[in-house]
N, C-alpha and C. Protein backbone atom coordinates (compact mmCIF):
# COMPACT_ATOMS: atom_id res chain seq x y z
N MET A 1 9.60 13.96 -3.40
CA MET A 1 8.25 14.18 -2.91
C MET A 1 8.10 13.48 -1.56
N LEU A 2 7.13 13.91 -0.80
CA LEU A 2 6.86 13.32 0.51
C LEU A 2 5.69 12.34 0.42
N ARG A 3 5.80 11.25 1.14
CA ARG A 3 4.74 10.24 1.18
C ARG A 3 3.42 10.87 1.66
N LEU A 4 3.50 11.71 2.69
CA LEU A 4 2.30 12.33 3.23
C LEU A 4 1.58 13.16 2.16
N ASP A 5 2.33 13.87 1.33
CA ASP A 5 1.71 14.65 0.25
C ASP A 5 1.03 13.73 -0.76
N CYS A 6 1.64 12.59 -1.03
CA CYS A 6 1.00 11.61 -1.93
C CYS A 6 -0.30 11.11 -1.33
N LEU A 7 -0.26 10.71 -0.08
CA LEU A 7 -1.47 10.22 0.59
C LEU A 7 -2.55 11.29 0.62
N ARG A 8 -2.15 12.51 0.93
CA ARG A 8 -3.11 13.63 0.98
C ARG A 8 -3.76 13.83 -0.39
N SER A 9 -2.99 13.68 -1.46
CA SER A 9 -3.50 13.94 -2.82
C SER A 9 -4.56 12.93 -3.26
N VAL A 10 -4.57 11.74 -2.67
CA VAL A 10 -5.52 10.71 -3.09
C VAL A 10 -6.51 10.32 -1.99
N TYR A 11 -6.41 10.95 -0.84
CA TYR A 11 -7.22 10.56 0.32
C TYR A 11 -8.71 10.49 -0.03
N SER A 12 -9.23 11.48 -0.73
CA SER A 12 -10.66 11.48 -1.07
C SER A 12 -11.03 10.32 -2.00
N GLU A 13 -10.06 9.83 -2.75
CA GLU A 13 -10.31 8.72 -3.69
C GLU A 13 -10.37 7.36 -2.98
N LEU A 14 -10.03 7.33 -1.70
CA LEU A 14 -9.97 6.06 -0.96
C LEU A 14 -11.28 5.71 -0.26
N GLU A 15 -12.26 6.57 -0.36
CA GLU A 15 -13.49 6.42 0.42
C GLU A 15 -14.19 5.08 0.22
N ASP A 16 -14.24 4.58 -1.00
CA ASP A 16 -14.94 3.33 -1.28
C ASP A 16 -14.01 2.13 -1.41
N CYS A 17 -12.77 2.27 -0.98
CA CYS A 17 -11.77 1.21 -1.12
C CYS A 17 -11.47 0.58 0.23
N LEU A 18 -11.03 -0.67 0.19
CA LEU A 18 -10.39 -1.27 1.36
C LEU A 18 -8.92 -0.90 1.24
N VAL A 19 -8.35 -0.39 2.32
CA VAL A 19 -6.96 0.07 2.30
C VAL A 19 -6.19 -0.69 3.37
N VAL A 20 -5.07 -1.29 2.96
CA VAL A 20 -4.19 -2.01 3.88
C VAL A 20 -2.85 -1.28 3.86
N THR A 21 -2.32 -0.98 5.04
CA THR A 21 -1.02 -0.33 5.11
C THR A 21 -0.05 -1.18 5.92
N ILE A 22 1.22 -0.89 5.70
CA ILE A 22 2.25 -1.49 6.54
C ILE A 22 2.34 -0.71 7.83
N MET A 23 3.22 -1.14 8.69
CA MET A 23 3.41 -0.50 9.99
C MET A 23 4.12 0.84 9.86
N GLY A 24 4.22 1.53 10.95
CA GLY A 24 5.08 2.69 11.06
C GLY A 24 4.58 3.94 10.37
N ALA A 25 5.48 4.57 9.62
CA ALA A 25 5.23 5.88 9.05
C ALA A 25 4.01 5.91 8.14
N VAL A 26 3.85 4.90 7.30
CA VAL A 26 2.71 4.90 6.37
C VAL A 26 1.40 4.89 7.14
N ALA A 27 1.29 4.02 8.13
CA ALA A 27 0.06 3.95 8.93
C ALA A 27 -0.17 5.25 9.69
N ALA A 28 0.86 5.79 10.31
CA ALA A 28 0.71 7.02 11.09
C ALA A 28 0.31 8.18 10.19
N GLU A 29 0.90 8.29 9.02
CA GLU A 29 0.57 9.39 8.12
C GLU A 29 -0.84 9.25 7.56
N LEU A 30 -1.23 8.04 7.19
CA LEU A 30 -2.60 7.87 6.68
C LEU A 30 -3.61 8.19 7.77
N GLN A 31 -3.37 7.70 8.98
CA GLN A 31 -4.31 7.97 10.06
C GLN A 31 -4.36 9.45 10.39
N SER A 32 -3.27 10.16 10.23
CA SER A 32 -3.26 11.61 10.52
C SER A 32 -4.21 12.38 9.60
N LEU A 33 -4.51 11.81 8.45
CA LEU A 33 -5.45 12.45 7.52
C LEU A 33 -6.90 12.17 7.88
N GLY A 34 -7.11 11.18 8.71
CA GLY A 34 -8.46 10.81 9.14
C GLY A 34 -8.69 9.33 8.95
N HIS A 35 -9.02 8.67 10.03
CA HIS A 35 -9.25 7.23 9.99
C HIS A 35 -10.62 6.91 9.39
N ARG A 36 -10.68 5.80 8.68
CA ARG A 36 -11.94 5.25 8.18
C ARG A 36 -11.99 3.78 8.56
N PRO A 37 -13.19 3.24 8.78
CA PRO A 37 -13.28 1.82 9.14
C PRO A 37 -12.77 0.88 8.05
N SER A 38 -12.61 1.39 6.84
CA SER A 38 -12.12 0.58 5.72
C SER A 38 -10.59 0.58 5.63
N PHE A 39 -9.92 1.19 6.62
CA PHE A 39 -8.45 1.23 6.66
C PHE A 39 -7.96 0.19 7.66
N PHE A 40 -7.03 -0.66 7.23
CA PHE A 40 -6.45 -1.66 8.11
C PHE A 40 -4.95 -1.39 8.21
N TYR A 41 -4.52 -1.03 9.41
CA TYR A 41 -3.11 -0.74 9.67
C TYR A 41 -2.45 -2.04 10.13
N LEU A 42 -1.76 -2.70 9.23
CA LEU A 42 -1.19 -4.01 9.50
C LEU A 42 0.10 -3.86 10.29
N GLN A 43 -0.05 -3.64 11.58
CA GLN A 43 1.10 -3.45 12.46
C GLN A 43 1.72 -4.80 12.84
N HIS A 44 3.00 -4.79 13.12
CA HIS A 44 3.74 -5.97 13.61
C HIS A 44 3.70 -7.14 12.63
N ALA A 45 3.62 -6.85 11.36
CA ALA A 45 3.64 -7.90 10.33
C ALA A 45 4.36 -7.37 9.10
N MET A 46 5.56 -6.86 9.31
CA MET A 46 6.31 -6.25 8.20
C MET A 46 6.46 -7.23 7.05
N GLY A 47 6.14 -6.76 5.87
CA GLY A 47 6.26 -7.56 4.67
C GLY A 47 4.97 -8.22 4.24
N LEU A 48 3.93 -8.16 5.06
CA LEU A 48 2.72 -8.95 4.76
C LEU A 48 1.53 -8.13 4.28
N ALA A 49 1.66 -6.82 4.14
CA ALA A 49 0.52 -6.01 3.67
C ALA A 49 0.08 -6.45 2.27
N SER A 50 1.04 -6.72 1.40
CA SER A 50 0.69 -7.13 0.03
C SER A 50 -0.01 -8.48 0.03
N SER A 51 0.39 -9.38 0.91
CA SER A 51 -0.27 -10.68 1.01
C SER A 51 -1.69 -10.53 1.55
N ALA A 52 -1.86 -9.68 2.56
CA ALA A 52 -3.21 -9.43 3.09
C ALA A 52 -4.09 -8.78 2.03
N GLY A 53 -3.52 -7.84 1.29
CA GLY A 53 -4.28 -7.19 0.21
C GLY A 53 -4.69 -8.19 -0.86
N LEU A 54 -3.80 -9.11 -1.21
CA LEU A 54 -4.13 -10.14 -2.20
C LEU A 54 -5.30 -10.99 -1.71
N GLY A 55 -5.25 -11.42 -0.45
CA GLY A 55 -6.33 -12.23 0.09
C GLY A 55 -7.66 -11.50 0.05
N LEU A 56 -7.66 -10.23 0.43
CA LEU A 56 -8.89 -9.44 0.39
C LEU A 56 -9.40 -9.30 -1.04
N ALA A 57 -8.50 -9.00 -1.97
CA ALA A 57 -8.91 -8.83 -3.37
C ALA A 57 -9.51 -10.10 -3.95
N LEU A 58 -8.96 -11.24 -3.58
CA LEU A 58 -9.50 -12.51 -4.09
C LEU A 58 -10.83 -12.87 -3.45
N CYS A 59 -10.99 -12.57 -2.16
CA CYS A 59 -12.23 -12.91 -1.45
C CYS A 59 -13.36 -11.94 -1.76
N LEU A 60 -13.01 -10.71 -2.13
CA LEU A 60 -14.01 -9.67 -2.38
C LEU A 60 -13.76 -9.07 -3.77
N PRO A 61 -14.01 -9.82 -4.83
CA PRO A 61 -13.64 -9.38 -6.18
C PRO A 61 -14.35 -8.11 -6.66
N GLU A 62 -15.46 -7.76 -6.05
CA GLU A 62 -16.16 -6.54 -6.46
C GLU A 62 -15.68 -5.32 -5.69
N GLN A 63 -14.79 -5.52 -4.73
CA GLN A 63 -14.32 -4.44 -3.86
C GLN A 63 -12.92 -4.01 -4.27
N GLU A 64 -12.71 -2.73 -4.46
CA GLU A 64 -11.38 -2.23 -4.79
C GLU A 64 -10.49 -2.28 -3.55
N VAL A 65 -9.28 -2.82 -3.70
CA VAL A 65 -8.33 -2.96 -2.60
C VAL A 65 -7.05 -2.22 -2.98
N ILE A 66 -6.60 -1.37 -2.06
CA ILE A 66 -5.35 -0.64 -2.27
C ILE A 66 -4.42 -0.96 -1.11
N VAL A 67 -3.21 -1.36 -1.43
CA VAL A 67 -2.18 -1.63 -0.44
C VAL A 67 -1.15 -0.52 -0.50
N PHE A 68 -0.87 0.09 0.65
CA PHE A 68 0.21 1.06 0.76
C PHE A 68 1.37 0.37 1.47
N ASP A 69 2.40 0.07 0.70
CA ASP A 69 3.53 -0.73 1.14
C ASP A 69 4.78 0.15 1.16
N GLY A 70 5.89 -0.42 1.59
CA GLY A 70 7.17 0.27 1.55
C GLY A 70 8.21 -0.62 0.90
N ASP A 71 9.30 -0.01 0.48
CA ASP A 71 10.34 -0.79 -0.19
C ASP A 71 10.93 -1.85 0.73
N GLY A 72 11.21 -1.50 1.97
CA GLY A 72 11.76 -2.48 2.91
C GLY A 72 10.80 -3.61 3.17
N SER A 73 9.54 -3.29 3.30
CA SER A 73 8.52 -4.30 3.53
C SER A 73 8.39 -5.24 2.33
N LEU A 74 8.33 -4.66 1.13
CA LEU A 74 8.22 -5.50 -0.07
C LEU A 74 9.46 -6.38 -0.22
N LEU A 75 10.63 -5.83 0.05
CA LEU A 75 11.86 -6.62 -0.09
C LEU A 75 11.89 -7.80 0.89
N MET A 76 11.21 -7.67 2.03
CA MET A 76 11.14 -8.78 2.99
C MET A 76 10.27 -9.93 2.49
N ASN A 77 9.36 -9.64 1.56
CA ASN A 77 8.42 -10.63 1.06
C ASN A 77 8.32 -10.51 -0.46
N LEU A 78 9.46 -10.50 -1.11
CA LEU A 78 9.53 -10.25 -2.55
C LEU A 78 8.74 -11.27 -3.38
N GLY A 79 8.63 -12.48 -2.87
CA GLY A 79 7.87 -13.51 -3.58
C GLY A 79 6.40 -13.17 -3.73
N THR A 80 5.91 -12.20 -2.96
CA THR A 80 4.51 -11.81 -3.08
C THR A 80 4.19 -11.31 -4.49
N LEU A 81 5.16 -10.69 -5.15
CA LEU A 81 4.89 -10.17 -6.50
C LEU A 81 4.53 -11.29 -7.47
N SER A 82 5.25 -12.41 -7.42
CA SER A 82 4.93 -13.51 -8.33
C SER A 82 3.61 -14.16 -7.96
N THR A 83 3.29 -14.21 -6.68
CA THR A 83 2.01 -14.77 -6.24
C THR A 83 0.86 -13.87 -6.67
N ILE A 84 1.03 -12.57 -6.46
CA ILE A 84 0.00 -11.62 -6.90
C ILE A 84 -0.20 -11.72 -8.41
N ALA A 85 0.90 -11.78 -9.16
CA ALA A 85 0.81 -11.87 -10.62
C ALA A 85 0.13 -13.16 -11.06
N ARG A 86 0.39 -14.23 -10.35
CA ARG A 86 -0.22 -15.52 -10.69
C ARG A 86 -1.74 -15.45 -10.63
N TYR A 87 -2.26 -14.82 -9.57
CA TYR A 87 -3.71 -14.75 -9.39
C TYR A 87 -4.34 -13.53 -10.06
N ARG A 88 -3.56 -12.52 -10.32
CA ARG A 88 -3.93 -11.32 -11.07
C ARG A 88 -5.31 -10.75 -10.73
N PRO A 89 -5.55 -10.40 -9.48
CA PRO A 89 -6.84 -9.79 -9.15
C PRO A 89 -6.95 -8.40 -9.79
N LYS A 90 -7.99 -8.17 -10.53
CA LYS A 90 -8.16 -6.92 -11.26
C LYS A 90 -8.55 -5.77 -10.34
N ASN A 91 -8.86 -6.08 -9.09
CA ASN A 91 -9.30 -5.06 -8.14
C ASN A 91 -8.21 -4.68 -7.13
N LEU A 92 -6.96 -5.01 -7.41
CA LEU A 92 -5.85 -4.74 -6.49
C LEU A 92 -4.88 -3.72 -7.07
N VAL A 93 -4.61 -2.68 -6.29
CA VAL A 93 -3.57 -1.71 -6.61
C VAL A 93 -2.55 -1.78 -5.48
N HIS A 94 -1.32 -2.05 -5.83
CA HIS A 94 -0.23 -2.19 -4.87
C HIS A 94 0.70 -1.00 -5.01
N VAL A 95 0.67 -0.11 -4.04
CA VAL A 95 1.52 1.08 -4.04
C VAL A 95 2.72 0.80 -3.14
N VAL A 96 3.91 1.03 -3.66
CA VAL A 96 5.13 0.84 -2.88
C VAL A 96 5.81 2.20 -2.74
N PHE A 97 5.82 2.74 -1.52
CA PHE A 97 6.55 3.97 -1.25
C PHE A 97 8.02 3.61 -1.04
N ASP A 98 8.84 3.98 -2.02
CA ASP A 98 10.26 3.63 -1.99
C ASP A 98 11.07 4.83 -1.54
N ASN A 99 11.47 4.82 -0.26
CA ASN A 99 12.33 5.88 0.28
C ASN A 99 13.77 5.40 0.46
N GLU A 100 14.05 4.22 -0.07
CA GLU A 100 15.40 3.63 -0.04
C GLU A 100 15.91 3.41 1.38
N SER A 101 14.97 3.26 2.33
CA SER A 101 15.40 3.03 3.70
C SER A 101 14.31 2.32 4.50
N LEU A 102 14.73 1.78 5.63
CA LEU A 102 13.80 1.22 6.60
C LEU A 102 13.52 2.32 7.62
N LEU A 103 12.83 3.36 7.17
CA LEU A 103 12.64 4.56 7.96
C LEU A 103 12.00 4.28 9.32
N SER A 104 10.99 3.45 9.35
CA SER A 104 10.24 3.22 10.59
C SER A 104 11.01 2.42 11.63
N VAL A 105 12.10 1.78 11.23
CA VAL A 105 12.86 0.98 12.19
C VAL A 105 14.34 1.41 12.26
N GLY A 106 14.58 2.69 12.02
CA GLY A 106 15.94 3.18 12.21
C GLY A 106 16.58 3.87 11.02
N GLY A 107 15.99 3.75 9.85
CA GLY A 107 16.52 4.45 8.68
C GLY A 107 17.65 3.75 7.96
N PHE A 108 17.83 2.47 8.21
CA PHE A 108 18.88 1.73 7.51
C PHE A 108 18.57 1.66 6.02
N PRO A 109 19.58 1.73 5.16
CA PRO A 109 19.33 1.70 3.72
C PRO A 109 18.80 0.33 3.26
N THR A 110 17.94 0.36 2.27
CA THR A 110 17.46 -0.88 1.66
C THR A 110 18.23 -1.11 0.36
N ALA A 111 17.96 -2.22 -0.28
CA ALA A 111 18.64 -2.57 -1.53
C ALA A 111 18.31 -1.59 -2.66
N THR A 112 17.17 -0.90 -2.56
CA THR A 112 16.86 0.07 -3.62
C THR A 112 17.82 1.25 -3.59
N SER A 113 18.48 1.49 -2.46
CA SER A 113 19.44 2.59 -2.37
C SER A 113 20.72 2.28 -3.16
N THR A 114 20.91 1.01 -3.50
CA THR A 114 22.11 0.62 -4.26
C THR A 114 21.76 0.05 -5.63
N GLY A 115 20.53 0.31 -6.09
CA GLY A 115 20.21 -0.05 -7.47
C GLY A 115 19.14 -1.08 -7.70
N THR A 116 18.64 -1.75 -6.69
CA THR A 116 17.56 -2.72 -6.93
C THR A 116 16.36 -1.98 -7.52
N ASP A 117 15.84 -2.51 -8.61
CA ASP A 117 14.77 -1.87 -9.38
C ASP A 117 13.45 -2.59 -9.14
N LEU A 118 12.62 -2.04 -8.24
CA LEU A 118 11.36 -2.70 -7.91
C LEU A 118 10.39 -2.72 -9.10
N GLU A 119 10.42 -1.69 -9.93
CA GLU A 119 9.56 -1.72 -11.13
C GLU A 119 9.96 -2.88 -12.03
N GLY A 120 11.26 -3.04 -12.26
CA GLY A 120 11.74 -4.13 -13.10
C GLY A 120 11.40 -5.49 -12.52
N ILE A 121 11.51 -5.63 -11.21
CA ILE A 121 11.18 -6.90 -10.55
C ILE A 121 9.69 -7.19 -10.70
N ALA A 122 8.85 -6.17 -10.50
CA ALA A 122 7.40 -6.37 -10.63
C ALA A 122 7.04 -6.77 -12.05
N ARG A 123 7.64 -6.13 -13.03
CA ARG A 123 7.38 -6.49 -14.44
C ARG A 123 7.82 -7.94 -14.71
N ALA A 124 9.01 -8.28 -14.24
CA ALA A 124 9.52 -9.63 -14.47
C ALA A 124 8.67 -10.68 -13.76
N ALA A 125 8.06 -10.32 -12.65
CA ALA A 125 7.18 -11.25 -11.92
C ALA A 125 5.86 -11.47 -12.66
N GLY A 126 5.52 -10.57 -13.59
CA GLY A 126 4.30 -10.73 -14.36
C GLY A 126 3.18 -9.76 -14.00
N ILE A 127 3.48 -8.74 -13.22
CA ILE A 127 2.47 -7.72 -12.92
C ILE A 127 2.17 -6.98 -14.23
N PRO A 128 0.90 -6.94 -14.67
CA PRO A 128 0.61 -6.39 -16.00
C PRO A 128 0.77 -4.88 -16.13
N ARG A 129 0.53 -4.14 -15.06
CA ARG A 129 0.62 -2.67 -15.12
C ARG A 129 1.54 -2.21 -14.00
N VAL A 130 2.66 -1.58 -14.39
CA VAL A 130 3.65 -1.12 -13.41
C VAL A 130 4.12 0.27 -13.82
N ALA A 131 4.27 1.14 -12.83
CA ALA A 131 4.78 2.48 -13.11
C ALA A 131 5.62 2.95 -11.94
N THR A 132 6.62 3.77 -12.22
CA THR A 132 7.38 4.46 -11.19
C THR A 132 7.08 5.94 -11.34
N VAL A 133 6.75 6.57 -10.20
CA VAL A 133 6.42 8.00 -10.22
C VAL A 133 7.34 8.75 -9.27
N ARG A 134 7.58 10.02 -9.61
CA ARG A 134 8.50 10.83 -8.82
C ARG A 134 7.93 12.20 -8.45
N SER A 135 6.63 12.40 -8.69
CA SER A 135 5.99 13.66 -8.31
C SER A 135 4.60 13.35 -7.76
N VAL A 136 4.08 14.28 -6.97
CA VAL A 136 2.75 14.09 -6.40
C VAL A 136 1.71 14.03 -7.51
N ASP A 137 1.84 14.90 -8.50
CA ASP A 137 0.90 14.86 -9.63
C ASP A 137 0.99 13.52 -10.36
N GLY A 138 2.21 13.03 -10.54
CA GLY A 138 2.39 11.72 -11.18
C GLY A 138 1.79 10.61 -10.36
N PHE A 139 1.94 10.69 -9.04
CA PHE A 139 1.36 9.69 -8.15
C PHE A 139 -0.16 9.70 -8.24
N ASN A 140 -0.73 10.89 -8.14
CA ASN A 140 -2.18 11.02 -8.21
C ASN A 140 -2.71 10.47 -9.53
N ALA A 141 -2.07 10.84 -10.63
CA ALA A 141 -2.49 10.36 -11.95
C ALA A 141 -2.35 8.84 -12.05
N ALA A 142 -1.25 8.28 -11.55
CA ALA A 142 -1.04 6.83 -11.64
C ALA A 142 -2.08 6.07 -10.83
N LEU A 143 -2.40 6.55 -9.63
CA LEU A 143 -3.40 5.85 -8.81
C LEU A 143 -4.78 5.94 -9.45
N ASN A 144 -5.14 7.10 -9.94
CA ASN A 144 -6.45 7.23 -10.59
C ASN A 144 -6.52 6.41 -11.88
N ASP A 145 -5.43 6.35 -12.62
CA ASP A 145 -5.37 5.52 -13.82
C ASP A 145 -5.51 4.04 -13.46
N ALA A 146 -4.87 3.64 -12.38
CA ALA A 146 -4.96 2.24 -11.94
C ALA A 146 -6.39 1.89 -11.54
N LYS A 147 -7.04 2.80 -10.84
CA LYS A 147 -8.43 2.54 -10.43
C LYS A 147 -9.36 2.45 -11.64
N ARG A 148 -9.14 3.29 -12.63
CA ARG A 148 -9.97 3.25 -13.85
C ARG A 148 -9.62 2.05 -14.73
N GLY A 149 -8.36 1.59 -14.65
CA GLY A 149 -7.88 0.52 -15.52
C GLY A 149 -8.43 -0.84 -15.20
N HIS A 150 -8.91 -1.05 -13.98
CA HIS A 150 -9.48 -2.34 -13.57
C HIS A 150 -8.58 -3.51 -13.92
N ASP A 151 -7.30 -3.37 -13.58
CA ASP A 151 -6.36 -4.47 -13.76
C ASP A 151 -5.30 -4.35 -12.67
N LEU A 152 -4.72 -5.46 -12.31
CA LEU A 152 -3.67 -5.49 -11.30
C LEU A 152 -2.59 -4.47 -11.64
N THR A 153 -2.26 -3.63 -10.67
CA THR A 153 -1.29 -2.56 -10.90
C THR A 153 -0.36 -2.43 -9.70
N THR A 154 0.92 -2.20 -9.98
CA THR A 154 1.89 -1.83 -8.96
C THR A 154 2.45 -0.46 -9.31
N ILE A 155 2.43 0.43 -8.32
CA ILE A 155 2.98 1.77 -8.48
C ILE A 155 4.15 1.93 -7.51
N ILE A 156 5.31 2.25 -8.04
CA ILE A 156 6.48 2.52 -7.21
C ILE A 156 6.57 4.05 -7.10
N ALA A 157 6.39 4.56 -5.90
CA ALA A 157 6.44 6.00 -5.66
C ALA A 157 7.75 6.33 -4.95
N LYS A 158 8.64 7.00 -5.65
CA LYS A 158 9.94 7.38 -5.09
C LYS A 158 9.73 8.59 -4.18
N VAL A 159 9.89 8.38 -2.87
CA VAL A 159 9.63 9.44 -1.89
C VAL A 159 10.88 9.69 -1.04
N GLU A 160 10.89 10.84 -0.39
CA GLU A 160 11.99 11.19 0.51
C GLU A 160 11.91 10.32 1.76
N ALA A 161 13.06 10.11 2.38
CA ALA A 161 13.12 9.33 3.62
C ALA A 161 12.80 10.23 4.81
N LYS A 162 11.59 10.75 4.82
CA LYS A 162 11.12 11.60 5.91
C LYS A 162 9.75 11.10 6.32
N GLY A 163 9.47 11.23 7.61
CA GLY A 163 8.17 10.76 8.10
C GLY A 163 7.75 11.54 9.32
N PRO A 164 6.72 11.06 9.98
CA PRO A 164 6.22 11.74 11.17
C PRO A 164 7.19 11.62 12.34
N ALA A 165 6.96 12.45 13.34
CA ALA A 165 7.82 12.42 14.53
C ALA A 165 7.71 11.10 15.27
N ALA A 166 6.52 10.52 15.25
CA ALA A 166 6.30 9.23 15.92
C ALA A 166 5.56 8.30 14.97
N PHE A 167 5.86 7.03 15.05
CA PHE A 167 5.27 6.05 14.15
C PHE A 167 4.18 5.25 14.86
N VAL A 168 3.29 5.93 15.52
CA VAL A 168 2.20 5.27 16.23
C VAL A 168 0.88 5.84 15.75
N THR A 169 -0.18 5.09 15.98
CA THR A 169 -1.52 5.56 15.64
C THR A 169 -2.34 5.67 16.92
N ASP A 170 -3.37 6.48 16.88
CA ASP A 170 -4.24 6.66 18.05
C ASP A 170 -5.20 5.50 18.25
N LEU A 171 -5.42 4.72 17.23
CA LEU A 171 -6.37 3.63 17.26
C LEU A 171 -5.66 2.36 17.74
N SER A 172 -6.26 1.67 18.71
CA SER A 172 -5.63 0.43 19.17
C SER A 172 -5.68 -0.61 18.05
N LEU A 173 -4.65 -1.45 17.99
CA LEU A 173 -4.57 -2.46 16.94
C LEU A 173 -5.75 -3.41 16.97
N LEU A 174 -6.16 -3.80 18.17
CA LEU A 174 -7.29 -4.72 18.30
C LEU A 174 -8.58 -4.08 17.81
N GLU A 175 -8.82 -2.83 18.20
CA GLU A 175 -10.03 -2.14 17.75
C GLU A 175 -10.02 -1.97 16.24
N ASN A 176 -8.85 -1.66 15.65
CA ASN A 176 -8.75 -1.53 14.20
C ASN A 176 -9.16 -2.83 13.51
N ARG A 177 -8.72 -3.95 14.04
CA ARG A 177 -9.08 -5.24 13.43
C ARG A 177 -10.57 -5.47 13.50
N PHE A 178 -11.19 -5.15 14.66
CA PHE A 178 -12.63 -5.34 14.80
C PHE A 178 -13.40 -4.40 13.87
N GLN A 179 -12.99 -3.15 13.80
CA GLN A 179 -13.65 -2.19 12.91
C GLN A 179 -13.56 -2.64 11.46
N PHE A 180 -12.38 -3.06 11.07
CA PHE A 180 -12.16 -3.47 9.68
C PHE A 180 -13.02 -4.69 9.35
N ARG A 181 -13.07 -5.64 10.26
CA ARG A 181 -13.89 -6.83 10.05
C ARG A 181 -15.37 -6.47 9.93
N ARG A 182 -15.85 -5.60 10.82
CA ARG A 182 -17.25 -5.17 10.75
C ARG A 182 -17.53 -4.46 9.43
N HIS A 183 -16.57 -3.66 8.97
CA HIS A 183 -16.75 -2.97 7.70
C HIS A 183 -16.87 -3.98 6.55
N ILE A 184 -16.00 -4.96 6.53
CA ILE A 184 -16.07 -5.99 5.47
C ILE A 184 -17.40 -6.74 5.54
N GLN A 185 -17.84 -7.08 6.73
CA GLN A 185 -19.13 -7.76 6.88
C GLN A 185 -20.27 -6.90 6.35
N SER A 186 -20.20 -5.60 6.54
CA SER A 186 -21.26 -4.71 6.04
C SER A 186 -21.28 -4.68 4.52
N LEU A 187 -20.14 -4.92 3.88
CA LEU A 187 -20.09 -4.94 2.42
C LEU A 187 -20.78 -6.17 1.83
N ARG A 188 -20.79 -7.24 2.59
CA ARG A 188 -21.33 -8.50 2.10
C ARG A 188 -22.84 -8.63 2.30
N ARG A 189 -23.44 -7.68 2.99
CA ARG A 189 -24.88 -7.73 3.21
C ARG A 189 -25.61 -7.23 1.99
N PRO A 190 -26.72 -7.90 1.61
CA PRO A 190 -27.49 -7.44 0.45
C PRO A 190 -28.22 -6.15 0.71
């Protein structure tokens, strides 16, 4: 399955969520569907989307937070799984698009291409709800189930190593940060 098809299948479900993405293909594909002020494209910080999502989920416990991560990014900050499990925010869904490569930085294979099991690692770290999906329908069902389940969830989505022609977004990084901050501030107003 393609990551873009997964994103397209759940795009309408993201309207009331804070969404944090990693750099490159994930950010470019999500933005191609239409930018929202509640989307934060965490550029130039590979490996830290899950940490940023954890911080948001803990600071805004009434707000649903979805992180769109990649296998290479998660592998760079694997300890995040045990930290996320320790704090267990019920409003955090961590999606890992596993294409078995560092697609956005050259396509080099990651450890998942030789057998590293991210679902098994997430379970061993203590994440209470973990699933691996291999179809768009499975992805859509898993994300909707996670949102209804109101418990910390990690979804490993096995996707093809294909992406957009360019890994850039039309929105400047600085403006994205300001928009996202203003959006969060608007949530905190009575």
